[in-house]
Amino acid sequence: MVDYRTEPEHTEREMDRLRSHDALTGLPDRDLLADRLTQTVAHARRRRMGFAVAALSVDRFQDLVSTLGNEAGDQLVVQTAQRLTETIRTEDTVARFAGSGFGLLLPGIGGPAEATVTIEKVMQVFARPFQVGAHEISLTLSLGVAIYPADGADPDELIDNAEAAALRAAGEGGNAWQFFHSSMNEERASRLTLETELQRALEGEQFILHYQPVVDARSGKIVSLEALVRWEHPARGLVPPLDFIQLAEDTGLILPIGDWVLRAACDQAKAWSRSLKRPVRMAVNLSARQLYEGGLTDAVAAVLKASGLPAAQLELEITETAAMRDPKEAARTLRALKARGVRIALDDFGTGYSSLSHLMGLPIATVKVDRSFVRGLLAAPERAALVAAVIALGHRLDLTVVAEGVETAEERAFLTGEGCDAIQGFLFSRPLPAEECGKLLAAGQIVL
């Protein structure tokens, strides 16, 4: 005979379990991990033992979701949870935080050497690709480790410090792990401050554009301009892109910043075309998020219509690395842009470890040889040979070839001799504010 008096108790226990476990993976949530950490701290303090806490996340997870969709993202999270659970010991705990974030509680770990054994196992199981529908996907992790009691005496401090170490691993390119160090909290605080200031910069219109000419390699005639964003910080002064673009990518702020850059650059190109009574071509860089988030083609069309700039005067630059993240999706979006009359340029060629022939499926009109190959090419025969080969192959594919980072007359002479079409770099001009660049445009040619 069933004792129905137990059903409310069972239901209450089930409700408690659901409140403390992640609905997607069934793993403990962050609060339950903190509760278990409290117990582990008390036990470790009595026994004078150590233990470890790890925080980890899947690298570039939001880019994967943008490309494959939310359902595929959920499948990757579930498979990640399964691999973690299968890898750790029975006494360990895996918890899901948010997004692709997870936490690990590793009791009985005496110090860094013992923690290293477990963490290396975790990293190794992600060497095998994941299967999501028809897609075979390689994932990498950024992971941070905090050791009790050296790196914290309470649950919140330990988790925060493990996350600070994971953030450092992600900031150094991902697919790595780090032990916590006290300096990381200073970096984390600095990053959070910069993120807040970056949001305020967007709201307070603190961004400006500088423009760098791209010139014909032989004549020095200006053939186009590249728009480059700068941040006019009220206290720090002019902040270069290297100091904030990656943070903008990580936080998603690159999308509104990219939209602003596109509008401002097109408006300026139209204004110069009108005042000079000749077309001015403007190149604008696209981030990977802009390329894969969707709606880019319509957004570009709307900006061109609002500015009055003909599509043929806009060139959108994507990096080789961004294009190769999902070549089919990139090709689909870029073909739609090309169909509207916009030129496509492949920027930073040579840094993404793919051959030019692999990029033939992309509707590019221009390939830009990265400055790292141009720098010192005269002192390195193998580098000079590589640049010459890229120029020759680019021409075989009917592409315009631009060399970036040209700083000396000798580099220009070599590139011109190899048939390079156009050149960009400090030899001709640094990036300039609109007023100074307007004067160069009026002259029409840069004479050395």
Protein backbone atom coordinates (compact mmCIF):
# COMPACT_ATOMS: atom_id res chain seq x y z
CA MET A 1 0.00 0.00 0.00
CA VAL A 2 1.37 3.43 -0.99
CA ASP A 3 1.79 5.95 1.79
CA TYR A 4 0.69 9.14 0.05
CA ARG A 5 1.86 11.20 3.02
CA THR A 6 5.38 10.89 1.62
CA GLU A 7 4.52 12.47 -1.75
CA PRO A 8 4.67 16.11 -0.58
CA GLU A 9 8.06 15.40 0.98
CA HIS A 10 9.27 13.80 -2.26
CA THR A 11 7.94 16.72 -4.29
CA GLU A 12 9.64 19.22 -2.00
CA ARG A 13 12.95 17.35 -2.26
CA GLU A 14 12.62 17.31 -6.04
CA MET A 15 11.90 21.05 -6.09
CA ASP A 16 14.98 21.65 -3.93
CA ARG A 17 17.07 19.57 -6.34
CA LEU A 18 15.79 21.49 -9.35
CA ARG A 19 16.51 24.81 -7.66
CA SER A 20 20.12 23.83 -7.03
CA HIS A 21 20.90 22.10 -10.34
CA ASP A 22 21.32 23.39 -13.88
CA ALA A 23 18.27 22.55 -16.01
CA LEU A 24 20.23 21.86 -19.20
CA THR A 25 23.02 19.62 -17.89
CA GLY A 26 21.65 18.38 -14.57
CA LEU A 27 24.88 19.51 -12.89
CA PRO A 28 25.05 21.44 -9.62
CA ASP A 29 24.76 25.18 -10.13
CA ARG A 30 27.12 27.87 -8.85
CA ASP A 31 25.29 28.24 -5.51
CA LEU A 32 25.40 24.51 -4.78
CA LEU A 33 29.11 24.45 -5.62
CA ALA A 34 29.61 27.30 -3.14
CA ASP A 35 27.73 25.31 -0.47
CA ARG A 36 29.94 22.28 -1.07
CA LEU A 37 32.97 24.54 -1.00
CA THR A 38 31.93 25.80 2.43
CA GLN A 39 31.86 22.23 3.73
CA THR A 40 35.17 21.44 2.05
CA VAL A 41 36.81 24.53 3.58
CA ALA A 42 35.63 23.50 7.06
CA HIS A 43 36.90 19.94 6.56
CA ALA A 44 40.24 21.10 5.10
CA ARG A 45 40.75 23.56 7.94
CA ARG A 46 40.21 20.87 10.57
CA ARG A 47 42.49 18.39 8.83
CA ARG A 48 44.98 21.05 7.64
CA MET A 49 44.58 19.81 4.10
CA GLY A 50 44.49 21.55 0.75
CA PHE A 51 42.15 21.36 -2.21
CA ALA A 52 41.74 23.04 -5.59
CA VAL A 53 39.01 24.97 -7.35
CA ALA A 54 38.99 25.39 -11.12
CA ALA A 55 36.94 27.62 -13.42
CA LEU A 56 36.79 27.04 -17.15
CA SER A 57 34.96 28.12 -20.27
CA VAL A 58 34.86 27.13 -23.93
CA ASP A 59 36.93 29.48 -26.10
CA ARG A 60 34.98 31.63 -28.60
CA PHE A 61 31.73 29.98 -27.54
CA GLN A 62 29.54 32.95 -28.55
CA ASP A 63 31.03 32.90 -32.04
CA LEU A 64 30.08 29.22 -32.33
CA VAL A 65 26.53 29.95 -31.18
CA SER A 66 26.26 32.84 -33.65
CA THR A 67 27.36 30.51 -36.45
CA LEU A 68 25.59 27.26 -35.54
CA GLY A 69 22.59 28.47 -33.54
CA ASN A 70 21.39 28.18 -29.95
CA GLU A 71 20.37 24.53 -30.21
CA ALA A 72 23.85 23.51 -31.33
CA GLY A 73 25.28 25.64 -28.51
CA ASP A 74 23.15 23.74 -25.99
CA GLN A 75 24.39 20.43 -27.41
CA LEU A 76 28.00 21.56 -27.02
CA VAL A 77 27.36 22.56 -23.40
CA VAL A 78 25.79 19.16 -22.64
CA GLN A 79 28.66 17.29 -24.31
CA THR A 80 31.19 19.44 -22.44
CA ALA A 81 29.46 18.59 -19.15
CA GLN A 82 29.55 14.88 -20.03
CA ARG A 83 33.28 14.91 -20.81
CA LEU A 84 34.09 16.77 -17.63
CA THR A 85 32.02 14.36 -15.53
CA GLU A 86 33.65 11.34 -17.13
CA THR A 87 37.15 12.74 -16.54
CA ILE A 88 37.11 13.77 -12.89
CA ARG A 89 37.26 11.52 -9.82
CA THR A 90 34.11 10.36 -8.00
CA GLU A 91 34.83 12.68 -5.06
CA ASP A 92 35.15 15.74 -7.32
CA THR A 93 32.29 18.07 -8.28
CA VAL A 94 31.49 19.60 -11.67
CA ALA A 95 29.14 22.58 -11.65
CA ARG A 96 27.75 24.69 -14.45
CA PHE A 97 27.97 28.44 -14.04
CA ALA A 98 26.51 30.24 -17.08
CA GLY A 99 26.93 30.02 -20.84
CA SER A 100 29.89 27.73 -21.44
CA GLY A 101 31.28 28.31 -17.94
CA PHE A 102 31.92 25.48 -15.50
CA GLY A 103 33.49 25.07 -12.07
CA LEU A 104 35.38 22.15 -10.56
CA LEU A 105 35.85 21.33 -6.89
CA LEU A 106 38.83 19.00 -6.41
CA PRO A 107 39.12 17.98 -2.74
CA GLY A 108 42.21 16.37 -1.31
CA ILE A 109 44.55 18.17 -3.71
CA GLY A 110 47.68 18.96 -1.72
CA GLY A 111 49.19 21.53 -4.04
CA PRO A 112 49.99 22.57 -7.62
CA ALA A 113 51.67 19.30 -8.61
CA GLU A 114 48.60 17.19 -7.79
CA ALA A 115 46.26 19.75 -9.37
CA THR A 116 48.31 19.67 -12.56
CA VAL A 117 47.65 15.95 -13.05
CA THR A 118 43.86 16.40 -12.97
CA ILE A 119 43.82 19.60 -15.02
CA GLU A 120 46.00 18.08 -17.75
CA LYS A 121 43.52 15.19 -18.02
CA VAL A 122 40.69 17.69 -18.41
CA MET A 123 42.52 19.57 -21.16
CA GLN A 124 43.39 16.36 -22.99
CA VAL A 125 39.82 15.07 -23.29
CA PHE A 126 38.97 18.14 -25.35
CA ALA A 127 41.52 17.21 -28.00
CA ARG A 128 38.85 14.95 -29.54
CA PRO A 129 36.36 16.80 -31.79
CA PHE A 130 32.70 17.16 -30.86
CA GLN A 131 29.88 16.04 -33.15
CA VAL A 132 26.87 18.33 -33.46
CA GLY A 133 24.57 17.20 -36.23
CA ALA A 134 26.60 17.18 -39.44
CA HIS A 135 29.29 19.39 -37.91
CA GLU A 136 32.53 18.11 -36.42
CA ILE A 137 33.76 20.83 -34.10
CA SER A 138 37.06 21.23 -32.27
CA LEU A 139 36.74 22.99 -28.93
CA THR A 140 39.41 24.44 -26.69
CA LEU A 141 39.23 25.60 -23.09
CA SER A 142 40.53 28.44 -20.99
CA LEU A 143 40.94 27.23 -17.41
CA GLY A 144 42.12 28.74 -14.15
CA VAL A 145 43.03 27.09 -10.83
CA ALA A 146 43.03 28.40 -7.26
CA ILE A 147 44.55 26.37 -4.39
CA TYR A 148 43.24 26.46 -0.80
CA PRO A 149 44.46 28.05 1.45
CA ALA A 150 47.14 29.95 -0.48
CA ASP A 151 44.73 31.49 -2.98
CA GLY A 152 41.71 32.10 -0.77
CA ALA A 153 40.09 31.21 2.53
CA ASP A 154 36.39 31.26 1.58
CA PRO A 155 34.28 29.91 -1.33
CA ASP A 156 33.62 33.23 -3.07
CA GLU A 157 37.27 34.23 -3.00
CA LEU A 158 38.40 30.86 -4.35
CA ILE A 159 35.89 30.88 -7.21
CA ASP A 160 36.67 34.51 -8.08
CA ASN A 161 40.40 33.81 -8.13
CA ALA A 162 39.98 30.69 -10.28
CA GLU A 163 37.92 32.78 -12.73
CA ALA A 164 40.60 35.49 -12.75
CA ALA A 165 43.17 32.87 -13.74
CA ALA A 166 40.85 31.51 -16.45
CA LEU A 167 40.42 35.04 -17.78
CA ARG A 168 44.19 35.40 -18.03
CA ALA A 169 44.39 32.10 -19.95
CA ALA A 170 41.69 33.30 -22.35
CA GLY A 171 43.41 36.66 -22.78
CA GLU A 172 46.59 34.92 -23.90
CA GLY A 173 44.80 33.15 -26.74
CA GLY A 174 42.91 30.35 -24.99
CA ASN A 175 43.50 26.61 -25.19
CA ALA A 176 45.52 26.99 -21.99
CA TRP A 177 45.29 26.98 -18.21
CA GLN A 178 46.84 29.04 -15.44
CA PHE A 179 47.33 28.94 -11.69
CA PHE A 180 46.03 32.02 -9.89
CA HIS A 181 48.46 34.79 -8.98
CA SER A 182 47.59 37.84 -6.88
CA SER A 183 48.42 40.21 -9.75
CA MET A 184 45.51 38.73 -11.71
CA ASN A 185 42.95 40.42 -9.48
CA GLU A 186 44.49 43.77 -10.33
CA GLU A 187 44.23 42.89 -14.02
CA ARG A 188 40.64 41.76 -13.58
CA ALA A 189 39.70 44.99 -11.79
CA SER A 190 41.42 46.98 -14.53
CA ARG A 191 39.54 45.05 -17.21
CA LEU A 192 36.18 45.61 -15.49
CA THR A 193 36.94 49.33 -15.20
CA LEU A 194 37.91 49.50 -18.87
CA GLU A 195 34.72 47.65 -19.86
CA THR A 196 32.60 50.20 -17.96
CA GLU A 197 34.52 53.07 -19.53
CA LEU A 198 34.14 51.53 -22.98
CA GLN A 199 30.36 51.43 -22.56
CA ARG A 200 30.40 55.08 -21.46
CA ALA A 201 32.59 55.95 -24.45
CA LEU A 202 29.96 54.56 -26.78
CA GLU A 203 27.19 56.47 -25.04
CA GLY A 204 29.28 59.64 -24.77
CA GLU A 205 30.47 59.70 -28.40
CA GLN A 206 34.15 59.46 -27.47
CA PHE A 207 35.14 57.56 -30.61
CA ILE A 208 36.72 59.23 -33.62
CA LEU A 209 38.12 58.00 -36.92
CA HIS A 210 41.59 58.42 -38.34
CA TYR A 211 42.29 57.61 -41.99
CA GLN A 212 45.35 56.03 -43.55
CA PRO A 213 45.92 56.37 -47.31
CA VAL A 214 46.48 53.38 -49.57
CA VAL A 215 48.57 54.53 -52.54
CA ASP A 216 49.46 53.23 -55.97
CA ALA A 217 52.84 51.52 -55.58
CA ARG A 218 54.42 53.30 -58.58
CA SER A 219 52.81 56.73 -58.74
CA GLY A 220 52.02 57.44 -55.10
CA LYS A 221 48.47 58.39 -56.10
CA ILE A 222 45.93 57.82 -53.31
CA VAL A 223 43.60 55.03 -54.38
CA SER A 224 41.64 54.56 -51.14
CA LEU A 225 41.55 55.28 -47.43
CA GLU A 226 41.25 52.90 -44.49
CA ALA A 227 39.10 54.09 -41.59
CA LEU A 228 40.65 53.30 -38.20
CA VAL A 229 38.80 53.84 -34.94
CA ARG A 230 40.37 55.69 -32.03
CA TRP A 231 39.05 56.29 -28.51
CA GLU A 232 39.37 59.81 -27.11
CA HIS A 233 39.38 58.96 -23.41
CA PRO A 234 38.71 62.01 -21.20
CA ALA A 235 41.59 61.11 -18.84
CA ARG A 236 43.86 58.75 -20.78
CA GLY A 237 43.91 60.71 -24.02
CA LEU A 238 43.93 58.94 -27.38
CA VAL A 239 43.61 55.18 -26.82
CA PRO A 240 44.83 52.99 -29.74
CA PRO A 241 42.72 50.06 -30.98
CA LEU A 242 45.09 47.41 -29.61
CA ASP A 243 44.16 48.53 -26.10
CA PHE A 244 40.40 48.10 -26.43
CA ILE A 245 39.29 46.19 -29.57
CA GLN A 246 39.77 42.71 -28.06
CA LEU A 247 37.77 43.73 -25.01
CA ALA A 248 35.06 45.09 -27.29
CA GLU A 249 35.03 41.73 -29.12
CA ASP A 250 34.79 39.78 -25.87
CA THR A 251 31.94 41.87 -24.47
CA GLY A 252 29.95 42.28 -27.70
CA LEU A 253 30.46 46.06 -27.70
CA ILE A 254 32.24 45.64 -31.02
CA LEU A 255 28.83 45.44 -32.71
CA PRO A 256 27.61 48.95 -31.84
CA ILE A 257 31.14 50.31 -32.24
CA GLY A 258 31.40 48.66 -35.68
CA ASP A 259 28.03 50.11 -36.69
CA TRP A 260 29.19 53.59 -35.69
CA VAL A 261 32.49 53.21 -37.59
CA LEU A 262 30.65 52.14 -40.75
CA ARG A 263 28.23 55.07 -40.61
CA ALA A 264 30.90 57.66 -39.82
CA ALA A 265 33.29 56.38 -42.50
CA CYS A 266 30.63 56.34 -45.21
CA ASP A 267 29.45 59.82 -44.27
CA GLN A 268 33.03 61.12 -44.47
CA ALA A 269 33.70 59.42 -47.81
CA LYS A 270 30.56 60.97 -49.24
CA ALA A 271 31.52 64.41 -47.90
CA TRP A 272 35.00 64.19 -49.46
CA SER A 273 33.60 62.92 -52.76
CA ARG A 274 31.24 65.87 -52.86
CA SER A 275 33.85 68.49 -51.98
CA LEU A 276 36.56 67.08 -54.28
CA LYS A 277 34.10 66.27 -57.08
CA ARG A 278 35.60 62.82 -57.51
CA PRO A 279 34.87 59.43 -55.94
CA VAL A 280 36.71 58.54 -52.75
CA ARG A 281 36.89 54.86 -51.86
CA MET A 282 36.67 54.03 -48.16
CA ALA A 283 37.80 50.78 -46.54
CA VAL A 284 36.16 49.72 -43.26
CA ASN A 285 37.21 46.77 -41.10
CA LEU A 286 34.61 44.17 -40.13
CA SER A 287 34.89 42.18 -36.91
CA ALA A 288 34.15 38.45 -36.80
CA ARG A 289 31.03 39.19 -34.76
CA GLN A 290 29.70 41.54 -37.43
CA LEU A 291 30.37 38.93 -40.10
CA TYR A 292 28.60 36.07 -38.31
CA GLU A 293 25.93 37.69 -36.15
CA GLY A 294 23.51 38.09 -39.07
CA GLY A 295 21.83 41.09 -40.67
CA LEU A 296 25.11 42.56 -41.97
CA THR A 297 24.01 42.89 -45.59
CA ASP A 298 20.87 44.84 -44.73
CA ALA A 299 22.78 47.00 -42.24
CA VAL A 300 25.38 47.94 -44.87
CA ALA A 301 22.65 48.69 -47.41
CA ALA A 302 20.89 50.97 -44.91
CA VAL A 303 24.11 52.88 -44.16
CA LEU A 304 24.89 53.35 -47.85
CA LYS A 305 21.39 54.63 -48.48
CA ALA A 306 21.51 57.04 -45.55
CA SER A 307 24.94 58.42 -46.49
CA GLY A 308 24.36 58.50 -50.24
CA LEU A 309 27.71 56.78 -50.82
CA PRO A 310 27.71 54.50 -53.90
CA ALA A 311 28.34 50.87 -52.97
CA ALA A 312 31.34 50.71 -55.31
CA GLN A 313 33.12 53.26 -53.09
CA LEU A 314 32.92 51.04 -50.00
CA GLU A 315 35.43 48.27 -49.37
CA LEU A 316 34.86 45.99 -46.41
CA GLU A 317 37.95 44.33 -44.93
CA ILE A 318 37.83 40.99 -43.12
CA THR A 319 40.80 39.22 -41.60
CA GLU A 320 41.90 35.86 -42.90
CA THR A 321 41.35 34.35 -39.44
CA ALA A 322 37.75 35.58 -39.30
CA ALA A 323 37.01 34.36 -42.83
CA MET A 324 38.35 30.88 -42.10
CA ARG A 325 36.33 30.44 -38.90
CA ASP A 326 33.38 29.32 -41.02
CA PRO A 327 34.29 29.68 -44.72
CA LYS A 328 30.86 28.64 -46.03
CA GLU A 329 28.96 31.12 -43.88
CA ALA A 330 31.51 33.86 -44.56
CA ALA A 331 31.26 33.23 -48.31
CA ARG A 332 27.45 33.40 -48.21
CA THR A 333 27.44 36.77 -46.44
CA LEU A 334 30.25 38.25 -48.52
CA ARG A 335 28.62 37.17 -51.79
CA ALA A 336 25.45 38.97 -50.72
CA LEU A 337 27.49 42.11 -50.07
CA LYS A 338 29.31 41.80 -53.38
CA ALA A 339 25.96 41.42 -55.15
CA ARG A 340 25.04 44.86 -53.81
CA GLY A 341 28.22 46.31 -55.35
CA VAL A 342 30.48 46.42 -52.26
CA ARG A 343 34.16 45.44 -52.65
CA ILE A 344 35.62 42.83 -50.31
CA ALA A 345 39.24 42.84 -49.13
CA LEU A 346 41.09 40.11 -47.25
CA ASP A 347 43.15 41.78 -44.52
CA ASP A 348 46.24 40.50 -42.64
CA PHE A 349 46.87 37.75 -45.19
CA GLY A 350 49.46 35.26 -44.01
CA THR A 351 48.52 35.32 -40.32
CA GLY A 352 45.77 32.67 -40.48
CA TYR A 353 47.85 29.75 -41.70
CA SER A 354 45.79 29.07 -44.82
CA SER A 355 46.96 29.22 -48.41
CA LEU A 356 45.55 31.72 -50.85
CA SER A 357 44.06 28.87 -52.87
CA HIS A 358 41.92 27.93 -49.85
CA LEU A 359 40.33 31.37 -50.05
CA MET A 360 39.21 31.14 -53.66
CA GLY A 361 35.64 30.45 -52.54
CA LEU A 362 35.44 33.94 -51.07
CA PRO A 363 34.37 36.80 -53.36
CA ILE A 364 37.38 38.98 -52.57
CA ALA A 365 38.72 41.70 -54.86
CA THR A 366 41.76 42.68 -52.79
CA VAL A 367 44.31 40.79 -50.70
CA LYS A 368 46.40 42.72 -48.17
CA VAL A 369 49.77 41.18 -47.26
CA ASP A 370 50.27 41.46 -43.52
CA ARG A 371 52.91 43.87 -42.23
CA SER A 372 54.70 41.03 -40.40
CA PHE A 373 55.81 39.67 -43.80
CA VAL A 374 56.81 43.06 -45.17
CA ARG A 375 58.87 44.05 -42.13
CA GLY A 376 62.48 43.05 -42.67
CA LEU A 377 61.83 41.28 -45.97
CA LEU A 378 65.06 42.64 -47.45
CA ALA A 379 67.09 40.93 -44.71
CA ALA A 380 65.23 37.61 -44.99
CA PRO A 381 65.32 35.97 -48.45
CA GLU A 382 62.65 33.44 -47.52
CA ARG A 383 60.29 36.25 -46.49
CA ALA A 384 60.97 38.16 -49.71
CA ALA A 385 60.27 34.99 -51.72
CA LEU A 386 56.99 34.47 -49.88
CA VAL A 387 55.80 38.02 -50.52
CA ALA A 388 56.74 37.75 -54.21
CA ALA A 389 54.80 34.47 -54.46
CA VAL A 390 51.70 36.00 -52.87
CA ILE A 391 51.82 38.92 -55.32
CA ALA A 392 52.18 36.56 -58.30
CA LEU A 393 49.41 34.24 -57.13
CA GLY A 394 47.14 37.17 -56.30
CA HIS A 395 47.49 38.45 -59.84
CA ARG A 396 46.81 34.97 -61.24
CA LEU A 397 43.52 35.10 -59.33
CA ASP A 398 42.82 38.60 -60.69
CA LEU A 399 43.14 40.22 -57.27
CA THR A 400 44.52 43.61 -56.33
CA VAL A 401 47.49 43.09 -53.98
CA VAL A 402 48.21 45.63 -51.26
CA ALA A 403 51.28 45.49 -48.99
CA GLU A 404 50.77 46.74 -45.43
CA GLY A 405 53.31 48.25 -43.07
CA VAL A 406 55.69 49.64 -45.68
CA GLU A 407 58.20 51.93 -43.93
CA THR A 408 61.24 52.28 -46.17
CA ALA A 409 61.97 53.30 -49.76
CA GLU A 410 63.87 50.02 -50.20
CA GLU A 411 60.78 47.99 -49.25
CA ARG A 412 58.72 50.02 -51.70
CA ALA A 413 61.26 49.44 -54.48
CA PHE A 414 61.20 45.68 -53.92
CA LEU A 415 57.42 45.51 -53.83
CA THR A 416 57.07 47.68 -56.91
CA GLY A 417 59.58 45.51 -58.75
CA GLU A 418 57.50 42.42 -57.92
CA GLY A 419 54.38 44.08 -59.30
CA CYS A 420 52.59 44.90 -56.05
CA ASP A 421 49.61 47.10 -56.92
CA ALA A 422 49.31 49.33 -53.86
CA ILE A 423 51.11 50.12 -50.64
CA GLN A 424 50.09 51.28 -47.19
CA GLY A 425 52.33 52.33 -44.34
CA PHE A 426 54.28 55.02 -42.53
CA LEU A 427 56.53 55.57 -45.55
CA PHE A 428 53.62 57.47 -47.06
CA SER A 429 51.49 58.50 -44.12
CA ARG A 430 50.49 57.54 -40.62
CA PRO A 431 46.73 57.41 -39.88
CA LEU A 432 45.48 61.00 -39.86
CA PRO A 433 42.52 62.91 -38.43
CA ALA A 434 39.91 63.87 -41.00
CA GLU A 435 41.12 67.45 -41.47
CA GLU A 436 44.73 66.46 -42.19
CA CYS A 437 43.70 63.57 -44.40
CA GLY A 438 41.43 65.90 -46.37
CA LYS A 439 44.47 68.00 -47.28
CA LEU A 440 46.30 64.92 -48.59
CA LEU A 441 43.25 63.96 -50.63
CA ALA A 442 43.07 67.42 -52.14
CA ALA A 443 46.67 67.04 -53.32
CA GLY A 444 45.75 63.65 -54.80
CA GLN A 445 49.27 62.29 -54.68
CA ILE A 446 51.87 61.65 -52.00
CA VAL A 447 55.29 62.79 -53.18
CA LEU A 448 58.31 61.40 -51.31
